[in-house]
């Protein structure tokens, strides 16, 4: 089974923070549009093509191509969206994440964790392997806040080829100063103060799911893994792309080791298949999202050959190139 948690953080509307949308304000729609693409094979609620402004296919395109290849239909979980979802979702009745510099970002974190636990028990009845991913524009910045609040000297990746680390660091310093003044130290309190709604839901699911579980994603899911370690729970393994691993600004491999997690890296070989948009992944654009790396790994685990997987992505994205 594959499940994808959808959420928003208002940090994505800060200019320069997120590349997951054509404008900062439109990043708030990205989870909805990605869910449409993964579910139906097309963006249906607005007139848009699933490419970045530079022509790079979105990671949801990769996930959709693996849905077509494997026949698996992901379950979507609405953790807290600004806009109502347009595809069927499980709903934990959360709210979009606020700005951690000014207020507690996820006041419902404890309740969302408990509702995630309920979903983990539910999914355990229907599968023995779960690939759990996310779509939260701006979520690498909340991940940075959470990892550093937990005591890790971490960096994070970005959908931009040029990671806006200075801006993220500035936001993180302000958020951490606020929570330090409030004496926040416990993992769920850190999520309440600085996280986004996806994180407590994912942590709750992972804490009660009885089968084998992988986190599909990079630095955002690593932050959830770090929360689970802080809660003395099982820390899932991670599946992401080599583009996250090879981002020198993210230091992902070091952070994985610091957390005590294990990560697997998928190389879809986008540089050699003759698609200029997909080749942009190789120069550091987009890198990961909407469970793309996990979806690629899941297809491989289900018996599909690497060249078959790469060809399927190419065949899907060239329909709208």
Protein backbone atom coordinates (compact mmCIF):
# COMPACT_ATOMS: atom_id res chain seq x y z
CA UNK A 1 0.00 0.00 0.00
CA UNK A 2 1.06 3.59 -0.61
CA UNK A 3 -0.36 6.57 1.29
CA UNK A 4 0.33 10.26 0.78
CA UNK A 5 -0.33 12.94 3.40
CA UNK A 6 -1.41 16.34 2.08
CA UNK A 7 -0.94 19.57 3.99
CA UNK A 8 -0.10 23.24 3.85
CA UNK A 9 2.15 25.53 5.81
CA UNK A 10 1.72 29.26 5.37
CA UNK A 11 5.51 29.49 5.19
CA UNK A 12 5.21 28.46 1.53
CA UNK A 13 3.63 31.85 0.77
CA UNK A 14 6.83 33.68 1.76
CA UNK A 15 8.49 34.74 -1.52
CA UNK A 16 11.55 32.64 -2.26
CA UNK A 17 10.84 29.80 0.19
CA UNK A 18 9.16 27.20 -2.04
CA UNK A 19 9.57 26.23 -5.67
CA UNK A 20 6.49 23.97 -5.50
CA UNK A 21 4.22 26.30 -7.45
CA UNK A 22 4.31 29.08 -10.07
CA UNK A 23 3.81 31.80 -7.41
CA UNK A 24 4.11 31.80 -3.60
CA UNK A 25 0.33 32.03 -3.17
CA UNK A 26 -0.30 29.21 -5.63
CA UNK A 27 1.87 26.84 -3.62
CA UNK A 28 -1.19 26.46 -1.40
CA UNK A 29 -2.94 24.65 -4.28
CA UNK A 30 -0.08 22.30 -5.13
CA UNK A 31 -1.10 19.38 -2.86
CA UNK A 32 -4.62 19.42 -4.33
CA UNK A 33 -3.33 19.47 -7.91
CA UNK A 34 -0.75 16.77 -7.22
CA UNK A 35 -3.43 14.54 -5.72
CA UNK A 36 -5.58 15.05 -8.82
CA UNK A 37 -2.68 14.13 -11.10
CA UNK A 38 -1.75 11.02 -9.13
CA UNK A 39 -5.38 9.89 -8.91
CA UNK A 40 -6.64 10.65 -12.41
CA UNK A 41 -3.57 11.17 -14.58
CA UNK A 42 -4.43 14.84 -15.18
CA UNK A 43 -4.94 18.12 -13.37
CA UNK A 44 -8.70 18.55 -13.51
CA UNK A 45 -9.75 21.52 -11.36
CA UNK A 46 -7.70 24.25 -13.05
CA UNK A 47 -6.10 24.75 -16.44
CA UNK A 48 -2.49 23.75 -15.82
CA UNK A 49 0.17 21.37 -16.98
CA UNK A 50 2.17 19.38 -14.42
CA UNK A 51 5.45 21.14 -15.14
CA UNK A 52 7.45 23.70 -13.23
CA UNK A 53 7.86 27.12 -14.92
CA UNK A 54 11.17 25.84 -16.35
CA UNK A 55 9.51 22.81 -17.96
CA UNK A 56 10.56 20.25 -15.35
CA UNK A 57 7.87 17.58 -14.76
CA UNK A 58 6.60 17.65 -11.19
CA UNK A 59 7.35 14.73 -8.87
CA UNK A 60 3.63 13.93 -8.87
CA UNK A 61 4.12 13.01 -12.53
CA UNK A 62 6.65 10.39 -11.47
CA UNK A 63 4.32 9.02 -8.80
CA UNK A 64 1.44 8.87 -11.29
CA UNK A 65 3.55 6.97 -13.79
CA UNK A 66 4.36 4.39 -11.11
CA UNK A 67 0.65 4.16 -10.24
CA UNK A 68 0.00 3.23 -13.87
CA UNK A 69 2.91 0.78 -13.93
CA UNK A 70 2.09 -1.04 -10.69
CA UNK A 71 -1.69 -0.71 -10.53
CA UNK A 72 -1.50 0.57 -6.92
CA UNK A 73 -3.84 3.43 -6.07
CA UNK A 74 -2.44 5.56 -3.21
CA UNK A 75 -4.62 6.59 -0.30
CA UNK A 76 -4.60 10.34 0.36
CA UNK A 77 -4.82 11.79 3.86
CA UNK A 78 -5.84 15.42 4.38
CA UNK A 79 -3.75 16.64 7.30
CA UNK A 80 -4.66 20.32 6.90
CA UNK A 81 -5.25 22.05 3.57
CA UNK A 82 -6.22 25.63 2.74
CA UNK A 83 -8.36 24.46 -0.20
CA UNK A 84 -10.72 21.46 0.09
CA UNK A 85 -9.32 18.38 -1.66
CA UNK A 86 -10.85 17.42 -4.99
CA UNK A 87 -10.13 13.68 -4.73
CA UNK A 88 -11.30 11.21 -2.07
CA UNK A 89 -9.26 11.49 1.12
CA UNK A 90 -9.13 10.26 4.65
CA UNK A 91 -9.51 13.39 6.78
CA UNK A 92 -8.01 14.05 10.21
CA UNK A 93 -9.68 17.48 10.34
CA UNK A 94 -6.50 19.46 10.80
CA UNK A 95 -5.76 23.04 9.80
CA UNK A 96 -2.98 24.52 7.66
CA UNK A 97 0.25 25.16 9.52
CA UNK A 98 0.89 28.68 10.76
CA UNK A 99 4.06 30.77 10.87
CA UNK A 100 6.26 29.43 13.69
CA UNK A 101 7.99 32.78 14.07
CA UNK A 102 4.76 34.31 15.34
CA UNK A 103 2.64 31.55 16.84
CA UNK A 104 2.33 27.85 17.45
CA UNK A 105 2.26 26.44 13.94
CA UNK A 106 0.17 23.31 14.66
CA UNK A 107 -1.94 23.86 17.81
CA UNK A 108 -3.66 20.49 17.23
CA UNK A 109 -0.40 18.49 17.03
CA UNK A 110 -1.26 16.10 19.88
CA UNK A 111 -4.74 15.41 18.48
CA UNK A 112 -3.37 14.96 14.96
CA UNK A 113 -0.84 12.46 16.29
CA UNK A 114 -3.66 10.48 17.93
CA UNK A 115 -5.70 10.56 14.72
CA UNK A 116 -2.63 9.38 12.84
CA UNK A 117 -2.42 6.48 15.28
CA UNK A 118 -6.01 5.59 14.36
CA UNK A 119 -5.16 5.63 10.66
CA UNK A 120 -2.07 3.48 11.30
CA UNK A 121 -4.27 0.86 12.95
CA UNK A 122 -6.75 1.09 10.08
CA UNK A 123 -4.14 0.67 7.35
CA UNK A 124 -2.64 -2.27 9.26
CA UNK A 125 -5.84 -4.21 8.58
CA UNK A 126 -5.45 -3.84 4.81
CA UNK A 127 -1.73 -4.23 4.10
CA UNK A 128 1.55 -5.55 5.46
CA UNK A 129 3.79 -3.01 3.66
CA UNK A 130 3.23 0.74 3.65
CA UNK A 131 5.09 3.38 1.65
CA UNK A 132 4.14 6.65 3.37
CA UNK A 133 4.88 9.99 1.67
CA UNK A 134 3.78 13.61 1.73
CA UNK A 135 3.05 16.75 -0.24
CA UNK A 136 3.60 19.92 1.80
CA UNK A 137 5.04 22.92 -0.08
CA UNK A 138 7.35 24.85 2.23
CA UNK A 139 7.75 21.75 4.36
CA UNK A 140 11.53 21.67 4.13
CA UNK A 141 11.56 24.88 6.16
CA UNK A 142 9.36 23.41 8.88
CA UNK A 143 11.58 20.31 8.74
CA UNK A 144 14.62 22.51 9.35
CA UNK A 145 12.94 24.09 12.39
CA UNK A 146 11.95 20.71 13.81
CA UNK A 147 15.33 19.05 13.27
CA UNK A 148 17.21 21.92 14.86
CA UNK A 149 14.73 22.18 17.73
CA UNK A 150 15.43 18.50 18.39
CA UNK A 151 19.14 19.29 18.61
CA UNK A 152 20.36 18.19 15.18
CA UNK A 153 22.81 20.42 13.30
CA UNK A 154 20.88 19.76 10.11
CA UNK A 155 20.29 21.38 6.77
CA UNK A 156 17.50 20.58 4.31
CA UNK A 157 16.91 20.33 0.57
CA UNK A 158 14.76 22.50 -1.70
CA UNK A 159 12.71 22.27 -4.88
CA UNK A 160 14.84 25.12 -6.20
CA UNK A 161 18.13 24.30 -7.93
CA UNK A 162 19.61 27.06 -5.73
CA UNK A 163 18.59 26.25 -2.15
CA UNK A 164 17.48 29.46 -0.34
CA UNK A 165 19.30 28.42 2.83
CA UNK A 166 19.84 31.96 4.06
CA UNK A 167 16.10 32.65 4.07
CA UNK A 168 15.32 29.30 5.71
CA UNK A 169 17.98 29.82 8.36
CA UNK A 170 16.60 33.26 9.15
CA UNK A 171 13.08 31.90 9.63
CA UNK A 172 14.40 29.00 11.69
CA UNK A 173 16.40 31.26 14.02
CA UNK A 174 13.33 33.38 14.73
CA UNK A 175 11.15 30.32 15.35
CA UNK A 176 13.70 28.69 17.65
CA UNK A 177 14.19 31.89 19.64
CA UNK A 178 10.43 31.98 20.27
CA UNK A 179 10.16 28.36 21.40
CA UNK A 180 13.32 28.50 23.51
CA UNK A 181 11.82 31.44 25.38
CA UNK A 182 8.72 29.29 25.94
CA UNK A 183 10.75 26.31 27.19
CA UNK A 184 9.57 23.90 24.47
CA UNK A 185 11.59 20.64 24.41
CA UNK A 186 9.34 17.58 24.03
CA UNK A 187 8.90 16.13 20.49
CA UNK A 188 5.14 16.71 20.14
CA UNK A 189 5.49 20.17 21.67
CA UNK A 190 8.16 20.93 19.06
CA UNK A 191 5.73 19.85 16.33
CA UNK A 192 3.05 22.04 17.86
CA UNK A 193 5.37 25.03 17.92
CA UNK A 194 7.31 24.75 14.66
CA UNK A 195 6.01 21.90 12.48
CA UNK A 196 3.34 21.45 9.85
CA UNK A 197 0.19 19.28 10.01
CA UNK A 198 1.67 16.43 7.99
CA UNK A 199 4.30 15.66 10.62
CA UNK A 200 2.18 14.58 13.61
CA UNK A 201 -0.12 12.58 11.34
CA UNK A 202 2.81 10.74 9.75
CA UNK A 203 4.38 10.10 13.15
CA UNK A 204 1.11 8.74 14.49
CA UNK A 205 0.64 6.41 11.52
CA UNK A 206 4.18 5.09 11.83
CA UNK A 207 3.81 4.49 15.56
CA UNK A 208 0.88 2.08 15.20
CA UNK A 209 1.25 0.55 11.71
CA UNK A 210 2.05 -3.12 12.36
CA UNK A 211 3.62 -4.05 9.03
CA UNK A 212 6.79 -2.94 7.28
CA UNK A 213 6.81 0.83 6.76
CA UNK A 214 9.01 3.07 4.65
CA UNK A 215 8.96 6.85 4.55
CA UNK A 216 8.82 8.06 0.95
CA UNK A 217 10.72 11.33 0.91
CA UNK A 218 13.82 13.26 1.89
CA UNK A 219 14.41 15.87 4.55
CA UNK A 220 10.73 16.37 5.40
CA UNK A 221 10.21 12.71 6.23
CA UNK A 222 13.58 12.63 8.00
CA UNK A 223 12.20 15.24 10.40
CA UNK A 224 9.29 12.88 11.16
CA UNK A 225 11.78 10.05 11.70
CA UNK A 226 13.64 12.28 14.18
CA UNK A 227 10.39 12.96 16.04
CA UNK A 228 9.72 9.23 16.28
CA UNK A 229 13.22 8.66 17.65
CA UNK A 230 12.52 11.36 20.25
CA UNK A 231 9.30 9.53 21.18
CA UNK A 232 11.23 6.22 21.49
CA UNK A 233 9.23 4.70 18.65
CA UNK A 234 10.32 2.60 15.67
CA UNK A 235 12.17 4.73 13.11
CA UNK A 236 11.13 3.76 9.57
CA UNK A 237 13.61 3.47 6.75
CA UNK A 238 13.48 6.16 4.08
CA UNK A 239 13.27 5.91 0.29
CA UNK A 240 14.17 8.95 -1.77
CA UNK A 241 15.98 9.95 -4.94
CA UNK A 242 19.69 10.34 -5.56
CA UNK A 243 18.93 13.99 -6.28
CA UNK A 244 18.29 14.57 -2.57
CA UNK A 245 21.39 12.57 -1.64
CA UNK A 246 23.58 14.53 -4.05
CA UNK A 247 22.40 17.99 -2.97
CA UNK A 248 25.50 19.43 -1.27
CA UNK A 249 23.45 22.09 0.51
CA UNK A 250 21.24 19.50 2.24
CA UNK A 251 23.82 17.21 3.89
CA UNK A 252 21.17 14.51 3.83
CA UNK A 253 23.40 11.47 4.31
CA UNK A 254 25.03 13.03 7.36
CA UNK A 255 21.67 13.98 8.86
CA UNK A 256 20.30 10.48 8.29
CA UNK A 257 23.28 9.09 10.20
CA UNK A 258 22.84 11.66 12.98
CA UNK A 259 19.19 10.65 13.42
CA UNK A 260 20.13 6.97 13.32
CA UNK A 261 17.88 6.21 10.36
CA UNK A 262 18.54 4.24 7.18
CA UNK A 263 17.94 5.64 3.70
CA UNK A 264 17.75 4.04 0.27
CA UNK A 265 18.37 6.12 -2.84
CA UNK A 266 16.73 5.54 -6.22
CA UNK A 267 18.47 6.67 -9.42
CA UNK A 268 15.87 6.94 -12.21
CA UNK A 269 18.59 7.83 -14.74
CA UNK A 270 16.83 10.97 -15.97
CA UNK A 271 20.01 12.41 -17.47
CA UNK A 272 20.25 9.82 -20.24
CA UNK A 273 16.71 9.38 -21.57
CA UNK A 274 16.49 12.40 -23.85
CA UNK A 275 13.92 14.51 -22.01
CA UNK A 276 15.18 18.03 -21.26
CA UNK A 277 12.63 18.60 -18.49
CA UNK A 278 13.49 15.40 -16.60
CA UNK A 279 17.18 16.17 -17.07
CA UNK A 280 16.66 19.22 -14.86
CA UNK A 281 16.39 16.84 -11.90
CA UNK A 282 20.08 16.09 -12.49
CA UNK A 283 21.04 19.75 -12.01
CA UNK A 284 19.19 19.87 -8.69
CA UNK A 285 15.73 21.13 -9.62
CA UNK A 286 12.72 19.66 -7.77
CA UNK A 287 14.60 16.52 -6.57
CA UNK A 288 11.70 14.83 -4.75
CA UNK A 289 8.09 15.22 -3.63
CA UNK A 290 4.66 13.57 -3.49
CA UNK A 291 6.32 10.27 -2.65
CA UNK A 292 8.18 10.09 -5.97
CA UNK A 293 11.30 8.32 -4.72
CA UNK A 294 9.23 5.86 -2.73
CA UNK A 295 6.94 5.19 -5.68
CA UNK A 296 9.97 4.38 -7.86
CA UNK A 297 11.34 2.05 -5.18
CA UNK A 298 7.96 0.39 -4.71
CA UNK A 299 7.76 -0.39 -8.43
CA UNK A 300 11.21 -1.97 -8.22
CA UNK A 301 10.24 -4.03 -5.16
CA UNK A 302 7.18 -5.24 -7.07
CA UNK A 303 9.42 -6.71 -9.76
CA UNK A 304 9.71 -4.00 -12.41
CA UNK A 305 13.15 -3.56 -13.98
CA UNK A 306 14.96 -0.19 -13.67
CA UNK A 307 14.86 0.45 -17.42
CA UNK A 308 11.12 -0.33 -17.48
CA UNK A 309 10.55 2.13 -14.62
CA UNK A 310 12.50 4.92 -16.30
CA UNK A 311 10.78 4.31 -19.63
CA UNK A 312 7.36 4.51 -18.00
CA UNK A 313 8.18 7.92 -16.49
CA UNK A 314 9.38 9.13 -19.89
CA UNK A 315 6.29 7.84 -21.69
CA UNK A 316 3.99 9.55 -19.20
CA UNK A 317 5.65 12.97 -19.08
CA UNK A 318 6.11 13.31 -22.84
CA UNK A 319 2.31 13.36 -23.19
CA UNK A 320 2.30 16.95 -21.94
CA UNK A 321 5.85 18.08 -22.79
